Amino acid sequence: MRYLSLLLLIAAPTFGQIHNRLIKMNVDFSSEAIVHQSDIRAYTDTSAIPFEFVSSSPTVSYSHEWILGNVLSISGKAGFQYMNMYYNHEHYGSPYVNLSINPALSIFYRNRFEYYIKLQVGVNYWMNQPELLPATLRRLFPEKFNVFTGFTLGGFNYYFSDKWGANLELSLWSPELCTFGISYRFFKGELPSIQEMQEL
Protein backbone atom coordinates (compact mmCIF):
# COMPACT_ATOMS: atom_id res chain seq x y z
CA MET A 1 0.00 0.00 0.00
CA ARG A 2 2.88 2.36 0.78
CA TYR A 3 4.44 1.68 -2.62
CA LEU A 4 1.14 2.38 -4.41
CA SER A 5 0.75 5.68 -2.54
CA LEU A 6 4.32 6.64 -3.45
CA LEU A 7 3.74 5.81 -7.12
CA LEU A 8 0.59 7.95 -7.25
CA LEU A 9 2.40 10.81 -5.51
CA ILE A 10 5.23 10.70 -8.07
CA ALA A 11 2.80 10.50 -11.02
CA ALA A 12 0.45 13.23 -9.79
CA PRO A 13 2.39 16.21 -11.25
CA THR A 14 2.26 14.77 -14.79
CA PHE A 15 -1.49 14.13 -14.52
CA GLY A 16 -1.95 17.74 -13.49
CA GLN A 17 -0.18 19.00 -16.62
CA ILE A 18 -1.41 16.73 -19.40
CA HIS A 19 -4.52 14.65 -19.84
CA ASN A 20 -4.67 12.30 -22.80
CA ARG A 21 -8.36 11.95 -23.58
CA LEU A 22 -10.41 9.99 -26.08
CA ILE A 23 -13.96 10.53 -27.34
CA LYS A 24 -15.90 7.76 -29.06
CA MET A 25 -19.18 7.85 -30.97
CA ASN A 26 -20.53 4.36 -31.62
CA VAL A 27 -23.38 2.42 -33.16
CA ASP A 28 -23.96 -0.84 -31.31
CA PHE A 29 -25.52 -4.19 -32.17
CA SER A 30 -27.62 -4.83 -29.07
CA SER A 31 -27.83 -8.06 -27.09
CA GLU A 32 -30.89 -6.63 -25.30
CA ALA A 33 -32.92 -6.60 -28.54
CA ILE A 34 -31.95 -10.21 -29.29
CA VAL A 35 -32.98 -11.38 -25.80
CA HIS A 36 -36.29 -9.49 -25.93
CA GLN A 37 -37.19 -10.87 -29.36
CA SER A 38 -36.39 -14.41 -28.24
CA ASP A 39 -38.41 -14.15 -25.01
CA ILE A 40 -41.41 -12.59 -26.78
CA ARG A 41 -41.35 -15.25 -29.49
CA ALA A 42 -41.27 -18.02 -26.87
CA TYR A 43 -44.21 -16.41 -25.04
CA THR A 44 -46.40 -15.89 -28.12
CA ASP A 45 -45.90 -19.51 -29.15
CA THR A 46 -47.74 -20.65 -26.00
CA SER A 47 -50.19 -17.79 -25.28
CA ALA A 48 -53.36 -16.44 -26.89
CA ILE A 49 -52.57 -12.88 -25.67
CA PRO A 50 -50.47 -11.07 -28.30
CA PHE A 51 -47.07 -9.74 -27.35
CA GLU A 52 -45.42 -8.01 -30.29
CA PHE A 53 -41.85 -6.90 -30.86
CA VAL A 54 -42.53 -4.34 -33.61
CA SER A 55 -39.15 -2.72 -34.22
CA SER A 56 -35.85 -1.64 -32.73
CA SER A 57 -33.00 0.69 -33.55
CA PRO A 58 -29.29 0.12 -33.03
CA THR A 59 -27.87 1.44 -29.78
CA VAL A 60 -26.17 4.81 -30.16
CA SER A 61 -23.52 5.62 -27.56
CA TYR A 62 -21.02 8.27 -26.52
CA SER A 63 -17.87 7.58 -24.49
CA HIS A 64 -15.37 9.91 -22.86
CA GLU A 65 -12.13 8.22 -21.84
CA TRP A 66 -9.23 9.41 -19.68
CA ILE A 67 -5.94 7.61 -20.31
CA LEU A 68 -3.96 7.22 -17.09
CA GLY A 69 -0.55 6.35 -18.46
CA ASN A 70 0.55 3.85 -21.09
CA VAL A 71 -1.79 0.94 -20.39
CA LEU A 72 -4.60 2.00 -18.04
CA SER A 73 -7.67 4.11 -18.78
CA ILE A 74 -11.14 4.76 -17.42
CA SER A 75 -14.18 5.91 -19.37
CA GLY A 76 -17.75 6.97 -18.87
CA LYS A 77 -20.33 5.82 -21.41
CA ALA A 78 -23.93 6.74 -22.19
CA GLY A 79 -26.06 4.79 -24.66
CA PHE A 80 -29.65 4.78 -25.94
CA GLN A 81 -31.74 2.25 -27.85
CA TYR A 82 -35.31 2.50 -29.06
CA MET A 83 -37.44 -0.66 -28.92
CA ASN A 84 -41.14 -0.65 -29.80
CA MET A 85 -43.28 -3.40 -28.19
CA TYR A 86 -46.98 -3.99 -27.59
CA TYR A 87 -48.60 -6.30 -25.07
CA ASN A 88 -52.29 -7.13 -25.61
CA HIS A 89 -52.51 -4.22 -28.08
CA GLU A 90 -51.21 -1.70 -25.50
CA HIS A 91 -47.86 0.03 -25.83
CA TYR A 92 -45.44 -1.64 -23.42
CA GLY A 93 -42.20 0.16 -24.46
CA SER A 94 -39.34 -0.26 -24.22
CA PRO A 95 -36.55 2.19 -25.07
CA TYR A 96 -33.74 2.35 -22.55
CA VAL A 97 -30.73 4.43 -21.54
CA ASN A 98 -27.57 2.88 -20.13
CA LEU A 99 -24.77 4.57 -18.18
CA SER A 100 -21.53 2.86 -17.26
CA ILE A 101 -18.03 3.34 -15.86
CA ASN A 102 -15.40 1.26 -17.63
CA PRO A 103 -11.79 0.66 -16.55
CA ALA A 104 -9.67 -0.71 -19.41
CA LEU A 105 -6.26 -2.30 -19.87
CA SER A 106 -4.29 -1.91 -23.12
CA ILE A 107 -2.73 -5.26 -24.03
CA PHE A 108 -1.01 -4.40 -27.32
CA TYR A 109 -0.18 -1.13 -29.09
CA ARG A 110 1.90 -0.79 -32.26
CA ASN A 111 1.79 1.18 -35.50
CA ARG A 112 -1.47 2.97 -34.60
CA PHE A 113 -3.23 -0.31 -33.74
CA GLU A 114 -4.37 -1.01 -30.17
CA TYR A 115 -5.93 -4.08 -28.56
CA TYR A 116 -7.50 -3.71 -25.10
CA ILE A 117 -9.85 -5.41 -22.65
CA LYS A 118 -12.41 -3.59 -20.53
CA LEU A 119 -14.69 -4.11 -17.53
CA GLN A 120 -18.16 -2.51 -17.69
CA VAL A 121 -20.18 -1.58 -14.60
CA GLY A 122 -23.39 0.32 -15.17
CA VAL A 123 -27.13 0.79 -14.91
CA ASN A 124 -30.02 0.60 -17.40
CA TYR A 125 -33.13 2.76 -17.16
CA TRP A 126 -36.09 1.32 -19.10
CA MET A 127 -38.94 3.45 -20.42
CA ASN A 128 -41.49 0.64 -20.21
CA GLN A 129 -44.72 -0.21 -18.43
CA PRO A 130 -44.09 -3.45 -16.48
CA GLU A 131 -47.52 -3.16 -14.79
CA LEU A 132 -49.12 -4.24 -18.10
CA LEU A 133 -47.52 -7.67 -17.86
CA PRO A 134 -48.79 -10.54 -15.69
CA ALA A 135 -46.56 -11.45 -12.75
CA THR A 136 -45.35 -14.66 -14.39
CA LEU A 137 -44.18 -12.78 -17.47
CA ARG A 138 -42.81 -9.75 -15.64
CA ARG A 139 -39.96 -11.82 -14.22
CA LEU A 140 -38.52 -12.22 -17.73
CA PHE A 141 -38.45 -8.51 -18.52
CA PRO A 142 -36.60 -5.69 -16.76
CA GLU A 143 -38.19 -3.25 -14.36
CA LYS A 144 -37.39 0.45 -14.58
CA PHE A 145 -33.82 0.08 -13.30
CA ASN A 146 -31.35 -2.76 -13.43
CA VAL A 147 -27.60 -3.03 -12.88
CA PHE A 148 -25.24 -4.82 -15.24
CA THR A 149 -21.61 -5.87 -15.33
CA GLY A 150 -20.07 -6.67 -18.68
CA PHE A 151 -16.69 -7.54 -20.13
CA THR A 152 -15.12 -6.43 -23.40
CA LEU A 153 -12.86 -9.28 -24.47
CA GLY A 154 -12.00 -7.68 -27.82
CA GLY A 155 -11.48 -3.92 -27.99
CA PHE A 156 -9.67 -2.54 -31.03
CA ASN A 157 -8.59 0.98 -31.98
CA TYR A 158 -6.96 1.89 -35.28
CA TYR A 159 -5.80 5.48 -35.76
CA PHE A 160 -5.75 6.96 -39.26
CA SER A 161 -3.95 10.06 -37.92
CA ASP A 162 -2.77 11.46 -34.59
CA LYS A 163 -6.35 12.46 -33.78
CA TRP A 164 -8.87 10.31 -35.68
CA GLY A 165 -9.46 6.58 -35.61
CA ALA A 166 -11.93 3.72 -35.82
CA ASN A 167 -13.10 1.61 -32.89
CA LEU A 168 -14.52 -1.93 -32.62
CA GLU A 169 -15.58 -3.78 -29.44
CA LEU A 170 -16.91 -7.29 -28.83
CA SER A 171 -18.46 -7.74 -25.38
CA LEU A 172 -20.14 -10.29 -23.11
CA TRP A 173 -22.92 -9.72 -20.52
CA SER A 174 -23.24 -6.14 -21.75
CA PRO A 175 -26.19 -4.28 -23.33
CA GLU A 176 -24.04 -3.97 -26.46
CA LEU A 177 -22.79 -7.13 -28.12
CA CYS A 178 -20.83 -5.56 -30.96
CA THR A 179 -19.87 -1.87 -31.18
CA PHE A 180 -18.39 0.07 -34.08
CA GLY A 181 -17.65 3.77 -34.44
CA ILE A 182 -15.17 6.60 -34.69
CA SER A 183 -12.80 7.94 -32.06
CA TYR A 184 -11.04 11.24 -31.53
CA ARG A 185 -8.16 11.74 -29.12
CA PHE A 186 -6.72 14.97 -27.81
CA PHE A 187 -4.50 16.38 -25.09
CA LYS A 188 -5.54 19.01 -22.59
CA GLY A 189 -2.97 21.01 -20.69
CA GLU A 190 0.70 21.56 -21.42
CA LEU A 191 3.35 18.96 -22.00
CA PRO A 192 5.82 18.84 -19.09
CA SER A 193 9.29 20.14 -19.94
CA ILE A 194 12.33 17.86 -19.98
CA GLN A 195 13.62 19.59 -16.84
CA GLU A 196 10.31 18.96 -15.01
CA MET A 197 10.37 15.31 -16.05
CA GLN A 198 13.93 14.94 -14.77
CA GLU A 199 12.91 16.42 -11.42
CA LEU A 200 10.32 13.65 -11.02
C-alpha atoms as a PDB file:
ATOM      1  CA  MET A   1       0.000   0.000   0.000  1.00  0.00           C
ATOM      2  CA  ARG A   2       2.884   2.362   0.782  1.00  0.00           C
ATOM      3  CA  TYR A   3       4.438   1.676  -2.622  1.00  0.00           C
ATOM      4  CA  LEU A   4       1.143   2.376  -4.414  1.00  0.00           C
ATOM      5  CA  SER A   5       0.751   5.676  -2.540  1.00  0.00           C
ATOM      6  CA  LEU A   6       4.321   6.642  -3.445  1.00  0.00           C
ATOM      7  CA  LEU A   7       3.744   5.809  -7.120  1.00  0.00           C
ATOM      8  CA  LEU A   8       0.594   7.945  -7.246  1.00  0.00           C
ATOM      9  CA  LEU A   9       2.402  10.814  -5.509  1.00  0.00           C
ATOM     10  CA  ILE A  10       5.227  10.697  -8.069  1.00  0.00           C
ATOM     11  CA  ALA A  11       2.799  10.502 -11.017  1.00  0.00           C
ATOM     12  CA  ALA A  12       0.451  13.234  -9.789  1.00  0.00           C
ATOM     13  CA  PRO A  13       2.388  16.213 -11.255  1.00  0.00           C
ATOM     14  CA  THR A  14       2.255  14.765 -14.787  1.00  0.00           C
ATOM     15  CA  PHE A  15      -1.494  14.127 -14.521  1.00  0.00           C
ATOM     16  CA  GLY A  16      -1.947  17.745 -13.491  1.00  0.00           C
ATOM     17  CA  GLN A  17      -0.178  19.002 -16.618  1.00  0.00           C
ATOM     18  CA  ILE A  18      -1.409  16.733 -19.403  1.00  0.00           C
ATOM     19  CA  HIS A  19      -4.523  14.645 -19.838  1.00  0.00           C
ATOM     20  CA  ASN A  20      -4.670  12.298 -22.805  1.00  0.00           C
ATOM     21  CA  ARG A  21      -8.362  11.948 -23.580  1.00  0.00           C
ATOM     22  CA  LEU A  22     -10.405   9.994 -26.082  1.00  0.00           C
ATOM     23  CA  ILE A  23     -13.960  10.531 -27.341  1.00  0.00           C
ATOM     24  CA  LYS A  24     -15.903   7.760 -29.063  1.00  0.00           C
ATOM     25  CA  MET A  25     -19.185   7.848 -30.969  1.00  0.00           C
ATOM     26  CA  ASN A  26     -20.534   4.358 -31.620  1.00  0.00           C
ATOM     27  CA  VAL A  27     -23.376   2.423 -33.164  1.00  0.00           C
ATOM     28  CA  ASP A  28     -23.963  -0.840 -31.308  1.00  0.00           C
ATOM     29  CA  PHE A  29     -25.521  -4.186 -32.170  1.00  0.00           C
ATOM     30  CA  SER A  30     -27.623  -4.830 -29.068  1.00  0.00           C
ATOM     31  CA  SER A  31     -27.826  -8.063 -27.093  1.00  0.00           C
ATOM     32  CA  GLU A  32     -30.891  -6.631 -25.302  1.00  0.00           C
ATOM     33  CA  ALA A  33     -32.919  -6.600 -28.537  1.00  0.00           C
ATOM     34  CA  ILE A  34     -31.947 -10.208 -29.290  1.00  0.00           C
ATOM     35  CA  VAL A  35     -32.982 -11.381 -25.799  1.00  0.00           C
ATOM     36  CA  HIS A  36     -36.294  -9.486 -25.927  1.00  0.00           C
ATOM     37  CA  GLN A  37     -37.188 -10.868 -29.362  1.00  0.00           C
ATOM     38  CA  SER A  38     -36.385 -14.408 -28.237  1.00  0.00           C
ATOM     39  CA  ASP A  39     -38.414 -14.151 -25.010  1.00  0.00           C
ATOM     40  CA  ILE A  40     -41.411 -12.591 -26.777  1.00  0.00           C
ATOM     41  CA  ARG A  41     -41.348 -15.253 -29.494  1.00  0.00           C
ATOM     42  CA  ALA A  42     -41.266 -18.023 -26.866  1.00  0.00           C
ATOM     43  CA  TYR A  43     -44.208 -16.410 -25.035  1.00  0.00           C
ATOM     44  CA  THR A  44     -46.399 -15.888 -28.121  1.00  0.00           C
ATOM     45  CA  ASP A  45     -45.896 -19.513 -29.147  1.00  0.00           C
ATOM     46  CA  THR A  46     -47.741 -20.654 -26.003  1.00  0.00           C
ATOM     47  CA  SER A  47     -50.186 -17.792 -25.283  1.00  0.00           C
ATOM     48  CA  ALA A  48     -53.358 -16.438 -26.886  1.00  0.00           C
ATOM     49  CA  ILE A  49     -52.571 -12.879 -25.667  1.00  0.00           C
ATOM     50  CA  PRO A  50     -50.470 -11.073 -28.300  1.00  0.00           C
ATOM     51  CA  PHE A  51     -47.067  -9.737 -27.347  1.00  0.00           C
ATOM     52  CA  GLU A  52     -45.416  -8.008 -30.291  1.00  0.00           C
ATOM     53  CA  PHE A  53     -41.848  -6.900 -30.860  1.00  0.00           C
ATOM     54  CA  VAL A  54     -42.534  -4.339 -33.608  1.00  0.00           C
ATOM     55  CA  SER A  55     -39.151  -2.724 -34.220  1.00  0.00           C
ATOM     56  CA  SER A  56     -35.853  -1.642 -32.730  1.00  0.00           C
ATOM     57  CA  SER A  57     -33.004   0.693 -33.550  1.00  0.00           C
ATOM     58  CA  PRO A  58     -29.286   0.116 -33.034  1.00  0.00           C
ATOM     59  CA  THR A  59     -27.874   1.438 -29.781  1.00  0.00           C
ATOM     60  CA  VAL A  60     -26.167   4.811 -30.158  1.00  0.00           C
ATOM     61  CA  SER A  61     -23.523   5.617 -27.558  1.00  0.00           C
ATOM     62  CA  TYR A  62     -21.016   8.266 -26.522  1.00  0.00           C
ATOM     63  CA  SER A  63     -17.867   7.584 -24.488  1.00  0.00           C
ATOM     64  CA  HIS A  64     -15.366   9.912 -22.861  1.00  0.00           C
ATOM     65  CA  GLU A  65     -12.131   8.218 -21.835  1.00  0.00           C
ATOM     66  CA  TRP A  66      -9.230   9.408 -19.681  1.00  0.00           C
ATOM     67  CA  ILE A  67      -5.944   7.613 -20.308  1.00  0.00           C
ATOM     68  CA  LEU A  68      -3.956   7.215 -17.086  1.00  0.00           C
ATOM     69  CA  GLY A  69      -0.546   6.346 -18.461  1.00  0.00           C
ATOM     70  CA  ASN A  70       0.546   3.845 -21.087  1.00  0.00           C
ATOM     71  CA  VAL A  71      -1.790   0.942 -20.390  1.00  0.00           C
ATOM     72  CA  LEU A  72      -4.602   1.999 -18.039  1.00  0.00           C
ATOM     73  CA  SER A  73      -7.665   4.111 -18.785  1.00  0.00           C
ATOM     74  CA  ILE A  74     -11.139   4.762 -17.424  1.00  0.00           C
ATOM     75  CA  SER A  75     -14.177   5.911 -19.369  1.00  0.00           C
ATOM     76  CA  GLY A  76     -17.752   6.973 -18.869  1.00  0.00           C
ATOM     77  CA  LYS A  77     -20.325   5.817 -21.414  1.00  0.00           C
ATOM     78  CA  ALA A  78     -23.932   6.740 -22.192  1.00  0.00           C
ATOM     79  CA  GLY A  79     -26.056   4.788 -24.664  1.00  0.00           C
ATOM     80  CA  PHE A  80     -29.647   4.781 -25.941  1.00  0.00           C
ATOM     81  CA  GLN A  81     -31.735   2.251 -27.847  1.00  0.00           C
ATOM     82  CA  TYR A  82     -35.312   2.505 -29.064  1.00  0.00           C
ATOM     83  CA  MET A  83     -37.437  -0.661 -28.919  1.00  0.00           C
ATOM     84  CA  ASN A  84     -41.138  -0.651 -29.796  1.00  0.00           C
ATOM     85  CA  MET A  85     -43.283  -3.395 -28.187  1.00  0.00           C
ATOM     86  CA  TYR A  86     -46.983  -3.986 -27.593  1.00  0.00           C
ATOM     87  CA  TYR A  87     -48.601  -6.302 -25.067  1.00  0.00           C
ATOM     88  CA  ASN A  88     -52.289  -7.130 -25.607  1.00  0.00           C
ATOM     89  CA  HIS A  89     -52.515  -4.216 -28.076  1.00  0.00           C
ATOM     90  CA  GLU A  90     -51.212  -1.704 -25.498  1.00  0.00           C
ATOM     91  CA  HIS A  91     -47.862   0.033 -25.828  1.00  0.00           C
ATOM     92  CA  TYR A  92     -45.440  -1.641 -23.418  1.00  0.00           C
ATOM     93  CA  GLY A  93     -42.201   0.157 -24.459  1.00  0.00           C
ATOM     94  CA  SER A  94     -39.340  -0.263 -24.219  1.00  0.00           C
ATOM     95  CA  PRO A  95     -36.551   2.194 -25.067  1.00  0.00           C
ATOM     96  CA  TYR A  96     -33.739   2.352 -22.548  1.00  0.00           C
ATOM     97  CA  VAL A  97     -30.732   4.428 -21.543  1.00  0.00           C
ATOM     98  CA  ASN A  98     -27.569   2.883 -20.129  1.00  0.00           C
ATOM     99  CA  LEU A  99     -24.774   4.573 -18.181  1.00  0.00           C
ATOM    100  CA  SER A 100     -21.531   2.855 -17.263  1.00  0.00           C
ATOM    101  CA  ILE A 101     -18.027   3.341 -15.863  1.00  0.00           C
ATOM    102  CA  ASN A 102     -15.396   1.261 -17.634  1.00  0.00           C
ATOM    103  CA  PRO A 103     -11.793   0.662 -16.549  1.00  0.00           C
ATOM    104  CA  ALA A 104      -9.675  -0.705 -19.409  1.00  0.00           C
ATOM    105  CA  LEU A 105      -6.261  -2.299 -19.868  1.00  0.00           C
ATOM    106  CA  SER A 106      -4.295  -1.906 -23.117  1.00  0.00           C
ATOM    107  CA  ILE A 107      -2.731  -5.257 -24.035  1.00  0.00           C
ATOM    108  CA  PHE A 108      -1.007  -4.399 -27.320  1.00  0.00           C
ATOM    109  CA  TYR A 109      -0.176  -1.133 -29.090  1.00  0.00           C
ATOM    110  CA  ARG A 110       1.905  -0.795 -32.255  1.00  0.00           C
ATOM    111  CA  ASN A 111       1.793   1.182 -35.496  1.00  0.00           C
ATOM    112  CA  ARG A 112      -1.468   2.966 -34.598  1.00  0.00           C
ATOM    113  CA  PHE A 113      -3.233  -0.314 -33.739  1.00  0.00           C
ATOM    114  CA  GLU A 114      -4.375  -1.015 -30.166  1.00  0.00           C
ATOM    115  CA  TYR A 115      -5.934  -4.080 -28.557  1.00  0.00           C
ATOM    116  CA  TYR A 116      -7.498  -3.709 -25.098  1.00  0.00           C
ATOM    117  CA  ILE A 117      -9.847  -5.409 -22.650  1.00  0.00           C
ATOM    118  CA  LYS A 118     -12.412  -3.587 -20.530  1.00  0.00           C
ATOM    119  CA  LEU A 119     -14.695  -4.111 -17.532  1.00  0.00           C
ATOM    120  CA  GLN A 120     -18.158  -2.510 -17.690  1.00  0.00           C
ATOM    121  CA  VAL A 121     -20.177  -1.583 -14.605  1.00  0.00           C
ATOM    122  CA  GLY A 122     -23.394   0.321 -15.174  1.00  0.00           C
ATOM    123  CA  VAL A 123     -27.133   0.786 -14.910  1.00  0.00           C
ATOM    124  CA  ASN A 124     -30.016   0.603 -17.399  1.00  0.00           C
ATOM    125  CA  TYR A 125     -33.128   2.756 -17.164  1.00  0.00           C
ATOM    126  CA  TRP A 126     -36.086   1.319 -19.095  1.00  0.00           C
ATOM    127  CA  MET A 127     -38.941   3.447 -20.425  1.00  0.00           C
ATOM    128  CA  ASN A 128     -41.486   0.644 -20.206  1.00  0.00           C
ATOM    129  CA  GLN A 129     -44.722  -0.211 -18.433  1.00  0.00           C
ATOM    130  CA  PRO A 130     -44.089  -3.445 -16.485  1.00  0.00           C
ATOM    131  CA  GLU A 131     -47.516  -3.161 -14.793  1.00  0.00           C
ATOM    132  CA  LEU A 132     -49.116  -4.237 -18.101  1.00  0.00           C
ATOM    133  CA  LEU A 133     -47.515  -7.671 -17.858  1.00  0.00           C
ATOM    134  CA  PRO A 134     -48.793 -10.535 -15.691  1.00  0.00           C
ATOM    135  CA  ALA A 135     -46.556 -11.450 -12.753  1.00  0.00           C
ATOM    136  CA  THR A 136     -45.347 -14.665 -14.395  1.00  0.00           C
ATOM    137  CA  LEU A 137     -44.182 -12.781 -17.472  1.00  0.00           C
ATOM    138  CA  ARG A 138     -42.813  -9.751 -15.639  1.00  0.00           C
ATOM    139  CA  ARG A 139     -39.964 -11.823 -14.223  1.00  0.00           C
ATOM    140  CA  LEU A 140     -38.523 -12.220 -17.734  1.00  0.00           C
ATOM    141  CA  PHE A 141     -38.449  -8.510 -18.523  1.00  0.00           C
ATOM    142  CA  PRO A 142     -36.601  -5.689 -16.762  1.00  0.00           C
ATOM    143  CA  GLU A 143     -38.188  -3.253 -14.357  1.00  0.00           C
ATOM    144  CA  LYS A 144     -37.395   0.451 -14.582  1.00  0.00           C
ATOM    145  CA  PHE A 145     -33.817   0.081 -13.296  1.00  0.00           C
ATOM    146  CA  ASN A 146     -31.351  -2.759 -13.431  1.00  0.00           C
ATOM    147  CA  VAL A 147     -27.599  -3.027 -12.884  1.00  0.00           C
ATOM    148  CA  PHE A 148     -25.245  -4.823 -15.236  1.00  0.00           C
ATOM    149  CA  THR A 149     -21.610  -5.867 -15.329  1.00  0.00           C
ATOM    150  CA  GLY A 150     -20.069  -6.672 -18.678  1.00  0.00           C
ATOM    151  CA  PHE A 151     -16.687  -7.535 -20.127  1.00  0.00           C
ATOM    152  CA  THR A 152     -15.123  -6.435 -23.403  1.00  0.00           C
ATOM    153  CA  LEU A 153     -12.864  -9.275 -24.473  1.00  0.00           C
ATOM    154  CA  GLY A 154     -11.997  -7.678 -27.817  1.00  0.00           C
ATOM    155  CA  GLY A 155     -11.483  -3.921 -27.987  1.00  0.00           C
ATOM    156  CA  PHE A 156      -9.670  -2.544 -31.028  1.00  0.00           C
ATOM    157  CA  ASN A 157      -8.587   0.978 -31.978  1.00  0.00           C
ATOM    158  CA  TYR A 158      -6.956   1.886 -35.282  1.00  0.00           C
ATOM    159  CA  TYR A 159      -5.801   5.483 -35.761  1.00  0.00           C
ATOM    160  CA  PHE A 160      -5.752   6.965 -39.258  1.00  0.00           C
ATOM    161  CA  SER A 161      -3.947  10.057 -37.923  1.00  0.00           C
ATOM    162  CA  ASP A 162      -2.768  11.455 -34.592  1.00  0.00           C
ATOM    163  CA  LYS A 163      -6.348  12.465 -33.783  1.00  0.00           C
ATOM    164  CA  TRP A 164      -8.867  10.308 -35.677  1.00  0.00           C
ATOM    165  CA  GLY A 165      -9.460   6.576 -35.608  1.00  0.00           C
ATOM    166  CA  ALA A 166     -11.934   3.716 -35.815  1.00  0.00           C
ATOM    167  CA  ASN A 167     -13.096   1.608 -32.893  1.00  0.00           C
ATOM    168  CA  LEU A 168     -14.518  -1.927 -32.617  1.00  0.00           C
ATOM    169  CA  GLU A 169     -15.579  -3.776 -29.444  1.00  0.00           C
ATOM    170  CA  LEU A 170     -16.908  -7.290 -28.828  1.00  0.00           C
ATOM    171  CA  SER A 171     -18.455  -7.739 -25.383  1.00  0.00           C
ATOM    172  CA  LEU A 172     -20.139 -10.293 -23.111  1.00  0.00           C
ATOM    173  CA  TRP A 173     -22.919  -9.715 -20.517  1.00  0.00           C
ATOM    174  CA  SER A 174     -23.240  -6.136 -21.747  1.00  0.00           C
ATOM    175  CA  PRO A 175     -26.195  -4.282 -23.330  1.00  0.00           C
ATOM    176  CA  GLU A 176     -24.041  -3.969 -26.456  1.00  0.00           C
ATOM    177  CA  LEU A 177     -22.791  -7.134 -28.115  1.00  0.00           C
ATOM    178  CA  CYS A 178     -20.827  -5.557 -30.964  1.00  0.00           C
ATOM    179  CA  THR A 179     -19.868  -1.874 -31.183  1.00  0.00           C
ATOM    180  CA  PHE A 180     -18.394   0.072 -34.079  1.00  0.00           C
ATOM    181  CA  GLY A 181     -17.650   3.773 -34.436  1.00  0.00           C
ATOM    182  CA  ILE A 182     -15.175   6.599 -34.686  1.00  0.00           C
ATOM    183  CA  SER A 183     -12.798   7.943 -32.061  1.00  0.00           C
ATOM    184  CA  TYR A 184     -11.040  11.245 -31.526  1.00  0.00           C
ATOM    185  CA  ARG A 185      -8.164  11.737 -29.119  1.00  0.00           C
ATOM    186  CA  PHE A 186      -6.723  14.968 -27.806  1.00  0.00           C
ATOM    187  CA  PHE A 187      -4.503  16.385 -25.093  1.00  0.00           C
ATOM    188  CA  LYS A 188      -5.535  19.014 -22.587  1.00  0.00           C
ATOM    189  CA  GLY A 189      -2.972  21.015 -20.689  1.00  0.00           C
ATOM    190  CA  GLU A 190       0.702  21.563 -21.425  1.00  0.00           C
ATOM    191  CA  LEU A 191       3.345  18.957 -21.996  1.00  0.00           C
ATOM    192  CA  PRO A 192       5.822  18.840 -19.086  1.00  0.00           C
ATOM    193  CA  SER A 193       9.288  20.138 -19.940  1.00  0.00           C
ATOM    194  CA  ILE A 194      12.330  17.863 -19.977  1.00  0.00           C
ATOM    195  CA  GLN A 195      13.624  19.590 -16.841  1.00  0.00           C
ATOM    196  CA  GLU A 196      10.307  18.960 -15.011  1.00  0.00           C
ATOM    197  CA  MET A 197      10.366  15.309 -16.054  1.00  0.00           C
ATOM    198  CA  GLN A 198      13.933  14.942 -14.766  1.00  0.00           C
ATOM    199  CA  GLU A 199      12.912  16.424 -11.422  1.00  0.00           C
ATOM    200  CA  LEU A 200      10.317  13.647 -11.025  1.00  0.00           C
END
